[in-house]
Amino acid sequence: MGRSKAEAEKCCSSDEKLALPDVAGAEDLAKLAWALAHPARVRIVRLLRNRTSCMCGEIVEEMPLAQSTVSQHLKILKETGLVQGEIDGPRVCYCINPDAMARLKKFIADL
């Protein structure tokens, strides 16, 4: 259902000056939001959020996707800084970047 004409006029008749967020903050939020713009990446973040670290193979076992697809999603999450990866011999150990997660939570709360 749409808003009534009176509600629309009340919403759009504000005399408040529009204050846009700073460009750097908007770009950072856009990068972090894009990292979560795919259901597989959301699942990976949820999986990692509940663990201190996780090997790529363990993530692949939990996902209904090919290893190469999971790796591509992990690459995107790493590029945005939401996930960190540490080389452990021939394997890569992934974990959530707590600073990036805190920024994301703050951005969303501020929306």
C-alpha atoms as a PDB file:
ATOM      1  CA  MET A   1       0.000   0.000   0.000  1.00  0.00           C
ATOM      2  CA  GLY A   2       1.201   3.491  -0.828  1.00  0.00           C
ATOM      3  CA  ARG A   3       1.263   6.482   1.437  1.00  0.00           C
ATOM      4  CA  SER A   4      -1.607   8.907   1.538  1.00  0.00           C
ATOM      5  CA  LYS A   5      -1.186  12.314  -0.101  1.00  0.00           C
ATOM      6  CA  ALA A   6      -1.027  13.974   3.330  1.00  0.00           C
ATOM      7  CA  GLU A   7       1.736  11.590   4.464  1.00  0.00           C
ATOM      8  CA  ALA A   8       3.728  12.199   1.280  1.00  0.00           C
ATOM      9  CA  GLU A   9       3.415  15.966   1.606  1.00  0.00           C
ATOM     10  CA  LYS A  10       4.489  15.831   5.265  1.00  0.00           C
ATOM     11  CA  CYS A  11       7.533  13.730   4.359  1.00  0.00           C
ATOM     12  CA  CYS A  12       8.576  15.903   1.418  1.00  0.00           C
ATOM     13  CA  SER A  13       7.897  19.327   2.913  1.00  0.00           C
ATOM     14  CA  SER A  14      10.744  19.393   5.394  1.00  0.00           C
ATOM     15  CA  ASP A  15      12.743  22.615   5.688  1.00  0.00           C
ATOM     16  CA  GLU A  16      15.771  20.686   6.955  1.00  0.00           C
ATOM     17  CA  LYS A  17      18.905  20.989   4.889  1.00  0.00           C
ATOM     18  CA  LEU A  18      19.998  17.676   3.416  1.00  0.00           C
ATOM     19  CA  ALA A  19      23.358  16.566   4.826  1.00  0.00           C
ATOM     20  CA  LEU A  20      25.089  13.909   2.756  1.00  0.00           C
ATOM     21  CA  PRO A  21      27.638  11.608   4.396  1.00  0.00           C
ATOM     22  CA  ASP A  22      31.270  12.057   3.546  1.00  0.00           C
ATOM     23  CA  VAL A  23      32.479  10.449   0.317  1.00  0.00           C
ATOM     24  CA  ALA A  24      35.070   8.205   1.986  1.00  0.00           C
ATOM     25  CA  GLY A  25      32.488   6.780   4.372  1.00  0.00           C
ATOM     26  CA  ALA A  26      30.024   6.193   1.554  1.00  0.00           C
ATOM     27  CA  GLU A  27      32.670   4.421  -0.527  1.00  0.00           C
ATOM     28  CA  ASP A  28      33.707   2.219   2.387  1.00  0.00           C
ATOM     29  CA  LEU A  29      30.085   1.292   3.101  1.00  0.00           C
ATOM     30  CA  ALA A  30      29.476   0.536  -0.586  1.00  0.00           C
ATOM     31  CA  LYS A  31      32.507  -1.787  -0.702  1.00  0.00           C
ATOM     32  CA  LEU A  32      31.464  -3.656   2.416  1.00  0.00           C
ATOM     33  CA  ALA A  33      27.837  -3.889   1.286  1.00  0.00           C
ATOM     34  CA  TRP A  34      28.944  -5.173  -2.136  1.00  0.00           C
ATOM     35  CA  ALA A  35      30.974  -7.869  -0.371  1.00  0.00           C
ATOM     36  CA  LEU A  36      27.706  -9.134   1.104  1.00  0.00           C
ATOM     37  CA  ALA A  37      25.647  -8.698  -2.063  1.00  0.00           C
ATOM     38  CA  HIS A  38      25.713 -12.417  -2.852  1.00  0.00           C
ATOM     39  CA  PRO A  39      24.015 -15.109  -0.725  1.00  0.00           C
ATOM     40  CA  ALA A  40      27.111 -17.345  -0.835  1.00  0.00           C
ATOM     41  CA  ARG A  41      29.271 -14.569   0.622  1.00  0.00           C
ATOM     42  CA  VAL A  42      26.693 -13.940   3.350  1.00  0.00           C
ATOM     43  CA  ARG A  43      26.821 -17.649   4.225  1.00  0.00           C
ATOM     44  CA  ILE A  44      30.636 -17.602   4.303  1.00  0.00           C
ATOM     45  CA  VAL A  45      30.665 -14.575   6.621  1.00  0.00           C
ATOM     46  CA  ARG A  46      28.114 -16.227   8.910  1.00  0.00           C
ATOM     47  CA  LEU A  47      30.188 -19.392   8.978  1.00  0.00           C
ATOM     48  CA  LEU A  48      33.392 -17.502   9.786  1.00  0.00           C
ATOM     49  CA  ARG A  49      31.683 -15.279  12.342  1.00  0.00           C
ATOM     50  CA  ASN A  50      31.032 -18.349  14.484  1.00  0.00           C
ATOM     51  CA  ARG A  51      34.628 -19.594  14.339  1.00  0.00           C
ATOM     52  CA  THR A  52      38.021 -18.133  15.145  1.00  0.00           C
ATOM     53  CA  SER A  53      39.434 -19.419  11.848  1.00  0.00           C
ATOM     54  CA  CYS A  54      38.576 -21.813   9.054  1.00  0.00           C
ATOM     55  CA  MET A  55      40.493 -23.502   6.240  1.00  0.00           C
ATOM     56  CA  CYS A  56      39.201 -23.070   2.705  1.00  0.00           C
ATOM     57  CA  GLY A  57      38.468 -26.807   2.467  1.00  0.00           C
ATOM     58  CA  GLU A  58      36.232 -26.628   5.543  1.00  0.00           C
ATOM     59  CA  ILE A  59      34.291 -23.761   3.978  1.00  0.00           C
ATOM     60  CA  VAL A  60      33.899 -25.689   0.718  1.00  0.00           C
ATOM     61  CA  GLU A  61      32.475 -28.666   2.641  1.00  0.00           C
ATOM     62  CA  GLU A  62      29.754 -26.410   4.076  1.00  0.00           C
ATOM     63  CA  MET A  63      28.797 -24.833   0.747  1.00  0.00           C
ATOM     64  CA  PRO A  64      26.870 -26.360  -2.176  1.00  0.00           C
ATOM     65  CA  LEU A  65      29.405 -24.799  -4.560  1.00  0.00           C
ATOM     66  CA  ALA A  66      32.560 -25.840  -6.366  1.00  0.00           C
ATOM     67  CA  GLN A  67      35.880 -25.128  -4.669  1.00  0.00           C
ATOM     68  CA  SER A  68      36.802 -22.606  -7.372  1.00  0.00           C
ATOM     69  CA  THR A  69      33.531 -20.704  -6.809  1.00  0.00           C
ATOM     70  CA  VAL A  70      34.054 -20.601  -3.041  1.00  0.00           C
ATOM     71  CA  SER A  71      37.614 -19.397  -3.622  1.00  0.00           C
ATOM     72  CA  GLN A  72      36.332 -16.587  -5.851  1.00  0.00           C
ATOM     73  CA  HIS A  73      33.858 -15.499  -3.166  1.00  0.00           C
ATOM     74  CA  LEU A  74      36.615 -15.593  -0.536  1.00  0.00           C
ATOM     75  CA  LYS A  75      38.811 -13.474  -2.821  1.00  0.00           C
ATOM     76  CA  ILE A  76      36.072 -10.817  -3.031  1.00  0.00           C
ATOM     77  CA  LEU A  77      35.587 -10.860   0.746  1.00  0.00           C
ATOM     78  CA  LYS A  78      39.354 -10.483   1.229  1.00  0.00           C
ATOM     79  CA  GLU A  79      39.635  -7.637  -1.289  1.00  0.00           C
ATOM     80  CA  THR A  80      37.024  -5.657   0.609  1.00  0.00           C
ATOM     81  CA  GLY A  81      38.772  -6.372   3.915  1.00  0.00           C
ATOM     82  CA  LEU A  82      35.830  -8.114   5.556  1.00  0.00           C
ATOM     83  CA  VAL A  83      37.749 -11.405   5.669  1.00  0.00           C
ATOM     84  CA  GLN A  84      41.438 -12.002   6.299  1.00  0.00           C
ATOM     85  CA  GLY A  85      43.419 -14.932   4.960  1.00  0.00           C
ATOM     86  CA  GLU A  86      46.654 -16.299   6.370  1.00  0.00           C
ATOM     87  CA  ILE A  87      48.787 -18.816   4.524  1.00  0.00           C
ATOM     88  CA  ASP A  88      49.398 -21.961   6.570  1.00  0.00           C
ATOM     89  CA  GLY A  89      51.644 -24.169   4.435  1.00  0.00           C
ATOM     90  CA  PRO A  90      49.719 -25.188   1.329  1.00  0.00           C
ATOM     91  CA  ARG A  91      46.415 -24.025   2.824  1.00  0.00           C
ATOM     92  CA  VAL A  92      44.864 -20.656   3.567  1.00  0.00           C
ATOM     93  CA  CYS A  93      43.201 -20.054   6.915  1.00  0.00           C
ATOM     94  CA  TYR A  94      40.364 -17.483   6.821  1.00  0.00           C
ATOM     95  CA  CYS A  95      38.784 -15.403   9.567  1.00  0.00           C
ATOM     96  CA  ILE A  96      36.591 -12.319   9.947  1.00  0.00           C
ATOM     97  CA  ASN A  97      38.391  -8.991  10.155  1.00  0.00           C
ATOM     98  CA  PRO A  98      36.880  -7.621  13.385  1.00  0.00           C
ATOM     99  CA  ASP A  99      37.656  -3.987  12.498  1.00  0.00           C
ATOM    100  CA  ALA A 100      35.880  -4.252   9.139  1.00  0.00           C
ATOM    101  CA  MET A 101      32.928  -6.030  10.762  1.00  0.00           C
ATOM    102  CA  ALA A 102      32.678  -3.267  13.373  1.00  0.00           C
ATOM    103  CA  ARG A 103      32.704  -0.614  10.605  1.00  0.00           C
ATOM    104  CA  LEU A 104      30.001  -2.486   8.713  1.00  0.00           C
ATOM    105  CA  LYS A 105      27.831  -2.734  11.833  1.00  0.00           C
ATOM    106  CA  LYS A 106      28.285   0.981  12.508  1.00  0.00           C
ATOM    107  CA  PHE A 107      27.427   1.918   8.924  1.00  0.00           C
ATOM    108  CA  ILE A 108      24.259  -0.157   9.032  1.00  0.00           C
ATOM    109  CA  ALA A 109      23.266   1.224  12.433  1.00  0.00           C
ATOM    110  CA  ASP A 110      23.770   4.769  11.111  1.00  0.00           C
ATOM    111  CA  LEU A 111      21.481   4.168   8.114  1.00  0.00           C
END
